[in-house]
N, C-alpha and C. Protein backbone atom coordinates (compact mmCIF):
# COMPACT_ATOMS: atom_id res chain seq x y z
N MET A 1 -17.85 11.83 -24.16
CA MET A 1 -16.85 12.58 -23.59
C MET A 1 -16.65 13.74 -24.99
N ALA A 2 -16.65 13.17 -26.07
CA ALA A 2 -16.33 13.52 -27.20
C ALA A 2 -17.43 14.99 -27.17
N TRP A 3 -18.75 14.73 -27.21
CA TRP A 3 -19.73 15.60 -27.22
C TRP A 3 -19.35 17.20 -26.08
N LEU A 4 -19.12 16.53 -24.88
CA LEU A 4 -18.84 17.46 -23.85
C LEU A 4 -17.40 18.70 -24.06
N GLY A 5 -16.41 17.79 -25.03
CA GLY A 5 -15.46 18.62 -25.39
C GLY A 5 -16.04 19.72 -26.68
N TRP A 6 -16.96 19.09 -27.50
CA TRP A 6 -17.23 19.97 -28.37
C TRP A 6 -18.44 21.00 -27.87
N TRP A 7 -19.12 20.77 -27.06
CA TRP A 7 -20.12 21.79 -26.64
C TRP A 7 -19.19 22.84 -25.78
N LEU A 8 -18.00 22.69 -24.98
CA LEU A 8 -17.29 23.54 -24.37
C LEU A 8 -17.04 24.60 -25.49
N LYS A 9 -15.89 23.88 -26.54
CA LYS A 9 -15.48 24.37 -27.42
C LYS A 9 -16.35 25.63 -28.24
N ALA A 10 -17.74 24.81 -28.47
CA ALA A 10 -19.00 26.01 -28.88
C ALA A 10 -19.24 27.05 -27.84
N LYS A 11 -19.55 26.51 -26.89
CA LYS A 11 -19.88 27.44 -25.41
C LYS A 11 -18.64 29.00 -25.09
N PHE A 12 -17.79 28.56 -25.40
CA PHE A 12 -16.21 29.05 -25.01
C PHE A 12 -15.13 28.83 -26.22
N PRO A 13 -15.65 29.93 -27.44
CA PRO A 13 -14.95 30.14 -28.60
C PRO A 13 -13.33 30.23 -28.45
N HIS A 14 -13.27 31.42 -27.37
CA HIS A 14 -11.96 31.83 -27.40
C HIS A 14 -10.99 31.18 -26.47
N ALA A 15 -11.61 30.14 -25.55
CA ALA A 15 -10.83 29.81 -25.10
C ALA A 15 -9.61 28.64 -25.53
N ASN A 16 -8.05 28.50 -25.15
CA ASN A 16 -7.70 27.98 -26.05
C ASN A 16 -6.95 26.59 -25.48
N PHE A 17 -7.75 25.64 -25.81
CA PHE A 17 -7.68 24.22 -25.63
C PHE A 17 -7.76 23.47 -26.66
N ALA A 18 -7.40 21.96 -26.76
CA ALA A 18 -7.74 21.33 -27.96
C ALA A 18 -8.69 20.37 -27.48
N ILE A 19 -9.33 19.72 -28.28
CA ILE A 19 -10.45 18.73 -27.85
C ILE A 19 -9.93 17.48 -27.66
N THR A 20 -8.71 17.20 -28.37
CA THR A 20 -8.20 15.83 -28.18
C THR A 20 -7.36 16.00 -26.80
N ASN A 21 -7.12 17.03 -26.54
CA ASN A 21 -6.00 17.44 -25.37
C ASN A 21 -7.27 16.99 -23.91
N PHE A 22 -8.24 17.46 -24.38
CA PHE A 22 -9.65 17.59 -23.32
C PHE A 22 -9.85 16.31 -23.01
N ILE A 23 -10.02 15.67 -23.76
CA ILE A 23 -10.29 14.06 -23.65
C ILE A 23 -9.35 13.45 -23.30
N LEU A 24 -7.85 13.61 -23.82
CA LEU A 24 -7.25 12.85 -23.25
C LEU A 24 -7.06 12.88 -21.74
N ASN A 25 -7.10 14.16 -21.22
CA ASN A 25 -6.95 14.61 -20.09
C ASN A 25 -8.07 14.12 -19.06
N ILE A 26 -9.46 13.91 -19.63
CA ILE A 26 -10.70 13.37 -18.88
C ILE A 26 -10.67 11.85 -18.84
N GLU A 27 -9.33 11.33 -19.82
CA GLU A 27 -9.47 9.79 -19.59
C GLU A 27 -8.28 9.53 -18.45
N ASP A 28 -7.67 10.20 -18.26
CA ASP A 28 -6.25 10.16 -17.42
C ASP A 28 -6.56 10.35 -15.83
N LEU A 29 -8.00 11.23 -15.88
CA LEU A 29 -8.60 11.55 -14.53
C LEU A 29 -9.41 10.26 -13.94
N SER A 30 -10.05 9.30 -15.27
CA SER A 30 -10.40 8.13 -14.75
C SER A 30 -9.54 7.12 -14.25
N LEU A 31 -8.33 7.07 -14.32
CA LEU A 31 -7.30 6.29 -13.82
C LEU A 31 -6.97 6.65 -12.31
N LEU A 32 -7.55 7.72 -12.11
CA LEU A 32 -7.24 8.03 -10.68
C LEU A 32 -7.75 6.84 -9.74
N THR A 33 -7.76 6.73 -8.61
CA THR A 33 -8.42 6.27 -7.66
C THR A 33 -8.77 7.05 -6.33
N LEU A 34 -9.98 7.18 -6.08
CA LEU A 34 -9.95 8.08 -4.70
C LEU A 34 -10.49 7.31 -3.63
N PRO A 35 -9.79 7.50 -2.36
CA PRO A 35 -9.95 6.84 -1.20
C PRO A 35 -11.35 6.30 -0.96
N LYS A 36 -11.68 5.18 -0.61
CA LYS A 36 -12.93 4.57 -0.13
C LYS A 36 -13.27 5.49 0.88
N ARG A 37 -14.58 5.81 1.14
CA ARG A 37 -14.97 6.50 2.35
C ARG A 37 -15.75 5.51 3.32
N SER A 38 -15.73 5.92 4.18
CA SER A 38 -16.47 4.46 5.30
C SER A 38 -17.17 5.41 6.32
N VAL A 39 -18.58 4.88 6.34
CA VAL A 39 -19.31 5.52 7.01
C VAL A 39 -19.47 4.45 8.81
N LYS A 40 -19.55 5.40 9.73
CA LYS A 40 -19.59 4.84 11.04
C LYS A 40 -20.13 5.08 11.69
N LEU A 41 -21.10 4.41 12.02
CA LEU A 41 -22.21 5.28 12.98
C LEU A 41 -21.52 4.81 14.55
N VAL A 42 -21.81 5.92 15.14
CA VAL A 42 -21.28 6.09 16.27
C VAL A 42 -22.77 6.60 17.34
N LEU A 43 -23.07 5.45 18.67
CA LEU A 43 -24.03 5.80 19.21
C LEU A 43 -23.30 5.91 20.74
N TRP A 44 -24.27 7.03 21.42
CA TRP A 44 -23.80 7.33 22.83
C TRP A 44 -24.41 5.85 23.73
N MET A 45 -23.58 5.64 24.85
CA MET A 45 -23.35 4.30 25.07
C MET A 45 -23.47 5.01 27.05
N PRO A 46 -24.77 4.64 27.35
CA PRO A 46 -24.93 5.21 28.87
C PRO A 46 -23.89 4.49 29.73
N PRO A 47 -23.50 5.10 30.99
CA PRO A 47 -22.42 4.24 32.19
C PRO A 47 -23.14 3.93 32.56
N PRO A 48 -22.40 2.73 33.65
CA PRO A 48 -23.34 2.02 34.67
C PRO A 48 -23.96 2.98 35.47
N SER A 49 -24.92 2.27 36.12
CA SER A 49 -25.61 3.32 37.11
C SER A 49 -24.83 3.99 38.13
N ASP A 50 -25.40 4.88 38.43
CA ASP A 50 -24.86 5.47 39.84
C ASP A 50 -23.34 6.22 39.46
N THR A 51 -23.08 6.31 38.03
CA THR A 51 -22.02 6.94 37.39
C THR A 51 -22.27 8.03 36.37
N TRP A 52 -21.50 9.12 36.18
CA TRP A 52 -21.56 10.29 34.97
C TRP A 52 -20.85 9.78 34.09
N LYS A 53 -21.05 10.36 32.98
CA LYS A 53 -19.90 10.19 31.94
C LYS A 53 -19.88 11.62 30.98
N ILE A 54 -18.82 11.83 30.70
CA ILE A 54 -18.25 13.39 30.28
C ILE A 54 -17.95 13.07 28.63
N ASN A 55 -18.48 13.89 27.94
CA ASN A 55 -17.93 13.56 26.44
C ASN A 55 -17.70 14.76 26.01
N VAL A 56 -16.84 15.15 24.99
CA VAL A 56 -16.02 16.28 24.84
C VAL A 56 -15.71 15.99 23.28
N ASP A 57 -15.69 17.31 22.65
CA ASP A 57 -15.41 17.38 21.18
C ASP A 57 -14.99 18.61 20.58
N GLY A 58 -13.99 18.53 19.83
CA GLY A 58 -13.95 20.05 19.30
C GLY A 58 -13.37 20.04 17.82
N SER A 59 -12.73 21.16 16.90
CA SER A 59 -12.62 21.37 15.84
C SER A 59 -11.77 22.33 15.59
N SER A 60 -11.07 22.56 14.70
CA SER A 60 -10.38 23.81 14.02
C SER A 60 -10.51 24.00 12.35
N LEU A 61 -10.57 25.30 12.18
CA LEU A 61 -10.39 25.54 11.10
C LEU A 61 -8.90 25.97 10.44
N GLY A 62 -8.08 25.25 10.48
CA GLY A 62 -6.51 25.61 9.95
C GLY A 62 -5.78 25.34 11.36
N LYS A 63 -4.70 25.66 10.79
CA LYS A 63 -3.77 25.48 12.01
C LYS A 63 -2.71 26.80 11.72
N PRO A 64 -2.48 27.61 12.34
CA PRO A 64 -3.60 28.25 13.52
C PRO A 64 -5.06 28.77 12.75
N GLY A 65 -6.30 28.96 13.61
CA GLY A 65 -7.60 29.21 12.96
C GLY A 65 -8.43 29.03 13.90
N PRO A 66 -9.68 29.37 13.71
CA PRO A 66 -10.66 29.62 14.72
C PRO A 66 -10.83 28.07 15.13
N ALA A 67 -11.27 28.35 16.51
CA ALA A 67 -11.67 26.67 17.17
C ALA A 67 -12.74 26.59 17.91
N GLY A 68 -13.27 25.55 18.29
CA GLY A 68 -14.32 25.51 19.33
C GLY A 68 -14.22 24.10 19.91
N ILE A 69 -14.83 24.08 20.90
CA ILE A 69 -15.00 22.67 21.78
C ILE A 69 -16.58 22.69 22.38
N GLY A 70 -16.82 21.68 22.85
CA GLY A 70 -18.05 21.56 23.26
C GLY A 70 -18.15 19.95 24.31
N GLY A 71 -18.72 19.90 25.00
CA GLY A 71 -19.39 18.74 25.65
C GLY A 71 -20.54 18.37 26.59
N ALA A 72 -20.45 17.37 26.95
CA ALA A 72 -21.79 16.93 27.68
C ALA A 72 -21.84 15.94 29.12
N VAL A 73 -22.40 16.00 29.89
CA VAL A 73 -22.19 15.56 31.16
C VAL A 73 -23.40 14.74 31.16
N ARG A 74 -23.29 13.41 31.64
CA ARG A 74 -24.84 12.74 31.69
C ARG A 74 -24.64 11.28 32.43
N ASN A 75 -25.71 11.57 33.27
CA ASN A 75 -25.54 9.97 34.31
C ASN A 75 -26.00 8.82 33.38
N SER A 76 -26.67 7.67 33.82
CA SER A 76 -26.73 6.22 33.35
C SER A 76 -27.94 6.61 32.91
N THR A 77 -29.09 7.24 33.10
CA THR A 77 -30.17 7.30 32.54
C THR A 77 -30.32 8.58 31.31
N GLY A 78 -29.14 9.23 31.25
CA GLY A 78 -29.07 10.15 30.13
C GLY A 78 -29.29 11.65 30.42
N GLU A 79 -29.59 11.85 31.80
CA GLU A 79 -29.78 13.36 32.40
C GLU A 79 -28.54 13.90 32.21
N GLU A 80 -28.77 15.20 31.84
CA GLU A 80 -27.41 15.93 32.16
C GLU A 80 -27.29 16.69 33.44
């Protein structure tokens, strides 16, 4: 960590920061805990025979913002 601080100071000599403050700030970051990410595998399951399944999904970028929606209709063999 100290090496990184010295490297930054050499690379950016006009930057206004103290090496000790830089190291202390990095140590503070290590105390933060990030939420654990979980991965969930989702598979399409066919409906019972002689029936159809409708799957839809949507998303938006912001509130308000551009949005989109899509979907699929399939029978028990996966045909659309």
